[in-house]
């Protein structure tokens, strides 16, 4: 590999700010802070607003749009009394 043209690919600790969930993966993400892990390693820290542990889609708290009815169904319900003579 050529020197000086590749990004710094290393282990990075990502932390979810909403619930404190941490996970380590390899990344080129730019970081300024470091964190001490339970196993003694000191890794770069990248803060996230949401992760799979707090996102509504993955936790099952997301409401499905299909259960609320679509535009056609709303139209039919709104004007159903006009079609019945």
N, C-alpha and C. Protein backbone atom coordinates (compact mmCIF):
# COMPACT_ATOMS: atom_id res chain seq x y z
N UNK A 1 0.84 -1.19 0.00
CA UNK A 1 0.00 0.00 0.00
C UNK A 1 0.88 1.25 0.00
N UNK A 2 0.41 2.29 -0.67
CA UNK A 2 1.13 3.55 -0.68
C UNK A 2 0.96 4.25 0.65
N UNK A 3 2.01 4.88 1.12
CA UNK A 3 1.97 5.62 2.37
C UNK A 3 1.27 6.97 2.17
N UNK A 4 0.45 7.37 3.14
CA UNK A 4 -0.12 8.71 3.17
C UNK A 4 -1.38 8.93 2.36
N UNK A 5 -1.90 7.89 1.67
CA UNK A 5 -3.12 8.11 0.88
C UNK A 5 -4.33 7.38 1.45
N UNK A 6 -4.14 6.48 2.39
CA UNK A 6 -5.23 5.69 2.94
C UNK A 6 -5.72 6.30 4.25
N UNK A 7 -7.05 6.21 4.52
CA UNK A 7 -7.56 6.73 5.79
C UNK A 7 -7.13 5.86 6.96
N UNK A 8 -7.21 6.41 8.15
CA UNK A 8 -6.82 5.70 9.37
C UNK A 8 -7.95 4.74 9.76
N UNK A 9 -7.84 3.48 9.35
CA UNK A 9 -8.85 2.45 9.61
C UNK A 9 -8.46 1.71 10.89
N UNK A 10 -9.28 1.87 11.96
CA UNK A 10 -8.92 1.31 13.25
C UNK A 10 -10.18 0.97 14.03
N UNK A 11 -10.01 0.30 15.19
CA UNK A 11 -11.14 0.02 16.08
C UNK A 11 -11.64 1.33 16.67
N UNK A 12 -12.97 1.52 16.66
CA UNK A 12 -13.59 2.71 17.22
C UNK A 12 -14.76 2.28 18.09
N UNK A 13 -14.94 2.93 19.23
CA UNK A 13 -16.07 2.67 20.11
C UNK A 13 -17.17 3.67 19.78
N UNK A 14 -18.34 3.16 19.41
CA UNK A 14 -19.51 3.99 19.15
C UNK A 14 -20.41 3.91 20.37
N UNK A 15 -20.91 5.05 20.84
CA UNK A 15 -21.79 5.07 22.01
C UNK A 15 -23.08 5.80 21.64
N UNK A 16 -24.21 5.19 22.01
CA UNK A 16 -25.54 5.76 21.80
C UNK A 16 -25.82 6.70 22.97
N UNK A 17 -25.99 7.98 22.69
CA UNK A 17 -26.19 8.96 23.75
C UNK A 17 -27.54 8.85 24.44
N UNK A 18 -28.53 8.24 23.78
CA UNK A 18 -29.86 8.14 24.38
C UNK A 18 -29.96 7.06 25.46
N UNK A 19 -29.13 6.00 25.36
CA UNK A 19 -29.23 4.94 26.36
C UNK A 19 -27.88 4.41 26.85
N UNK A 20 -26.78 4.92 26.33
CA UNK A 20 -25.46 4.51 26.80
C UNK A 20 -24.94 3.22 26.20
N UNK A 21 -25.64 2.65 25.21
CA UNK A 21 -25.20 1.41 24.57
C UNK A 21 -23.89 1.65 23.81
N UNK A 22 -22.92 0.77 24.01
CA UNK A 22 -21.62 0.88 23.36
C UNK A 22 -21.36 -0.34 22.49
N UNK A 23 -20.71 -0.11 21.35
CA UNK A 23 -20.23 -1.23 20.54
C UNK A 23 -18.96 -0.81 19.84
N UNK A 24 -18.11 -1.78 19.57
CA UNK A 24 -16.81 -1.53 18.94
C UNK A 24 -16.82 -2.15 17.56
N UNK A 25 -16.37 -1.37 16.59
CA UNK A 25 -16.23 -1.85 15.23
C UNK A 25 -15.08 -1.10 14.57
N UNK A 26 -14.64 -1.56 13.43
CA UNK A 26 -13.57 -0.88 12.72
C UNK A 26 -14.16 0.22 11.86
N UNK A 27 -13.52 1.40 11.87
CA UNK A 27 -14.06 2.54 11.15
C UNK A 27 -12.96 3.55 10.84
N UNK A 28 -13.28 4.42 9.89
CA UNK A 28 -12.41 5.56 9.55
C UNK A 28 -13.01 6.86 10.11
N UNK A 29 -14.04 6.76 10.92
CA UNK A 29 -14.74 7.94 11.44
C UNK A 29 -13.79 8.84 12.21
N UNK A 30 -13.84 10.15 11.92
CA UNK A 30 -12.96 11.08 12.64
C UNK A 30 -13.43 11.27 14.09
N UNK A 31 -12.52 11.20 15.03
CA UNK A 31 -12.87 11.36 16.45
C UNK A 31 -11.85 12.27 17.14
N UNK A 32 -12.31 12.89 18.23
CA UNK A 32 -11.43 13.74 19.02
C UNK A 32 -11.28 13.23 20.44
N UNK A 33 -12.23 12.38 20.87
CA UNK A 33 -12.23 11.89 22.25
C UNK A 33 -11.79 10.43 22.29
N UNK A 34 -11.33 10.01 23.45
CA UNK A 34 -10.94 8.62 23.69
C UNK A 34 -11.77 8.09 24.86
N UNK A 35 -11.95 6.77 24.92
CA UNK A 35 -12.69 6.14 26.01
C UNK A 35 -11.93 4.90 26.44
N UNK A 36 -11.94 4.62 27.72
CA UNK A 36 -11.29 3.43 28.28
C UNK A 36 -12.33 2.32 28.35
N UNK A 37 -12.06 1.21 27.69
CA UNK A 37 -12.99 0.09 27.65
C UNK A 37 -12.80 -0.79 28.88
N UNK A 38 -13.75 -1.71 29.09
CA UNK A 38 -13.71 -2.62 30.24
C UNK A 38 -12.50 -3.55 30.19
N UNK A 39 -12.05 -3.89 28.98
CA UNK A 39 -10.91 -4.81 28.84
C UNK A 39 -9.57 -4.09 28.92
N UNK A 40 -9.57 -2.77 29.18
CA UNK A 40 -8.34 -2.02 29.36
C UNK A 40 -7.86 -1.25 28.14
N UNK A 41 -8.45 -1.53 26.98
CA UNK A 41 -8.04 -0.81 25.77
C UNK A 41 -8.56 0.63 25.81
N UNK A 42 -7.82 1.53 25.23
CA UNK A 42 -8.27 2.91 25.07
C UNK A 42 -8.53 3.13 23.58
N UNK A 43 -9.80 3.41 23.25
CA UNK A 43 -10.22 3.52 21.86
C UNK A 43 -10.78 4.90 21.56
N UNK A 44 -10.74 5.31 20.30
CA UNK A 44 -11.41 6.56 19.91
C UNK A 44 -12.91 6.43 20.14
N UNK A 45 -13.55 7.51 20.53
CA UNK A 45 -14.98 7.52 20.85
C UNK A 45 -15.75 8.31 19.82
N UNK A 46 -16.82 7.72 19.27
CA UNK A 46 -17.70 8.39 18.33
C UNK A 46 -19.10 8.35 18.92
N UNK A 47 -19.72 9.52 19.11
CA UNK A 47 -21.03 9.61 19.75
C UNK A 47 -22.14 9.60 18.70
N UNK A 48 -23.19 8.80 18.96
CA UNK A 48 -24.33 8.67 18.06
C UNK A 48 -25.60 9.16 18.75
N UNK A 49 -26.52 9.72 17.99
CA UNK A 49 -27.82 10.10 18.54
C UNK A 49 -28.71 8.87 18.72
N UNK A 50 -28.71 7.98 17.74
CA UNK A 50 -29.51 6.75 17.81
C UNK A 50 -28.69 5.59 17.27
N UNK A 51 -29.03 4.42 17.72
CA UNK A 51 -28.43 3.19 17.20
C UNK A 51 -29.55 2.15 17.12
N UNK A 52 -29.21 0.93 16.78
CA UNK A 52 -30.23 -0.12 16.69
C UNK A 52 -30.86 -0.41 18.05
N UNK A 53 -30.20 -0.05 19.13
CA UNK A 53 -30.75 -0.28 20.47
C UNK A 53 -31.81 0.75 20.85
N UNK A 54 -31.83 1.92 20.19
CA UNK A 54 -32.79 2.95 20.58
C UNK A 54 -33.71 3.39 19.44
N UNK A 55 -33.44 2.97 18.20
CA UNK A 55 -34.27 3.38 17.08
C UNK A 55 -35.61 2.65 17.12
N UNK A 56 -36.69 3.38 16.86
CA UNK A 56 -38.04 2.82 16.96
C UNK A 56 -38.28 1.64 16.02
N UNK A 57 -37.67 1.63 14.86
CA UNK A 57 -37.86 0.53 13.93
C UNK A 57 -37.34 -0.78 14.51
N UNK A 58 -36.18 -0.75 15.17
CA UNK A 58 -35.57 -1.96 15.70
C UNK A 58 -36.13 -2.36 17.06
N UNK A 59 -36.69 -1.43 17.81
CA UNK A 59 -37.23 -1.76 19.12
C UNK A 59 -38.68 -2.19 19.06
N UNK A 60 -39.33 -2.03 17.89
CA UNK A 60 -40.72 -2.45 17.74
C UNK A 60 -41.72 -1.40 18.17
N UNK A 61 -41.32 -0.18 18.40
CA UNK A 61 -42.23 0.87 18.84
C UNK A 61 -42.73 1.73 17.69
N UNK A 62 -42.28 1.44 16.47
CA UNK A 62 -42.67 2.22 15.31
C UNK A 62 -44.09 1.85 14.91
N UNK A 63 -44.90 2.84 14.57
CA UNK A 63 -46.26 2.61 14.11
C UNK A 63 -46.24 2.43 12.60
N UNK A 64 -46.99 1.46 12.14
CA UNK A 64 -47.05 1.19 10.71
C UNK A 64 -48.06 2.12 10.05
N UNK A 65 -47.70 2.65 8.91
CA UNK A 65 -48.60 3.55 8.19
C UNK A 65 -49.76 2.76 7.58
N UNK A 66 -49.55 1.48 7.29
CA UNK A 66 -50.59 0.66 6.67
C UNK A 66 -51.81 0.50 7.56
N UNK A 67 -51.63 0.48 8.87
CA UNK A 67 -52.76 0.29 9.78
C UNK A 67 -53.59 1.57 9.90
N UNK A 68 -53.04 2.70 9.52
CA UNK A 68 -53.77 3.96 9.61
C UNK A 68 -54.63 4.21 8.37
N UNK A 69 -54.47 3.43 7.33
CA UNK A 69 -55.23 3.60 6.10
C UNK A 69 -54.53 4.53 5.13
N UNK A 70 -54.68 4.22 3.86
CA UNK A 70 -54.03 5.04 2.85
C UNK A 70 -54.95 6.14 2.35
N UNK A 71 -54.51 6.87 1.35
CA UNK A 71 -55.29 7.99 0.80
C UNK A 71 -56.58 7.51 0.15
N UNK A 72 -56.49 6.41 -0.58
CA UNK A 72 -57.68 5.89 -1.26
C UNK A 72 -58.72 5.46 -0.23
N UNK A 73 -58.28 4.79 0.82
CA UNK A 73 -59.21 4.34 1.85
C UNK A 73 -59.85 5.52 2.57
N UNK A 74 -59.09 6.55 2.84
CA UNK A 74 -59.65 7.75 3.48
C UNK A 74 -60.68 8.41 2.58
N UNK A 75 -60.40 8.47 1.27
CA UNK A 75 -61.33 9.05 0.31
C UNK A 75 -62.63 8.26 0.27
N UNK A 76 -62.51 6.94 0.22
CA UNK A 76 -63.71 6.08 0.18
C UNK A 76 -64.55 6.25 1.44
N UNK A 77 -63.91 6.32 2.59
CA UNK A 77 -64.64 6.51 3.83
C UNK A 77 -65.32 7.88 3.90
N UNK A 78 -64.66 8.88 3.40
CA UNK A 78 -65.19 10.24 3.45
C UNK A 78 -66.41 10.42 2.55
N UNK A 79 -66.40 9.79 1.37
CA UNK A 79 -67.47 9.98 0.41
C UNK A 79 -68.33 8.73 0.21
N UNK A 80 -68.30 7.82 1.14
CA UNK A 80 -69.10 6.59 1.02
C UNK A 80 -70.59 6.88 1.04
N UNK A 81 -71.02 7.86 1.80
CA UNK A 81 -72.46 8.18 1.89
C UNK A 81 -73.01 8.74 0.59
N UNK A 82 -72.20 9.30 -0.28
CA UNK A 82 -72.67 9.86 -1.55
C UNK A 82 -72.93 8.79 -2.60
N UNK A 83 -72.24 7.67 -2.52
CA UNK A 83 -72.42 6.62 -3.54
C UNK A 83 -73.64 5.77 -3.25
N UNK A 84 -74.14 5.75 -2.04
CA UNK A 84 -75.33 4.95 -1.68
C UNK A 84 -76.57 5.79 -1.91
N UNK A 85 -77.45 5.32 -2.85
CA UNK A 85 -78.66 6.08 -3.17
C UNK A 85 -79.89 5.34 -2.77
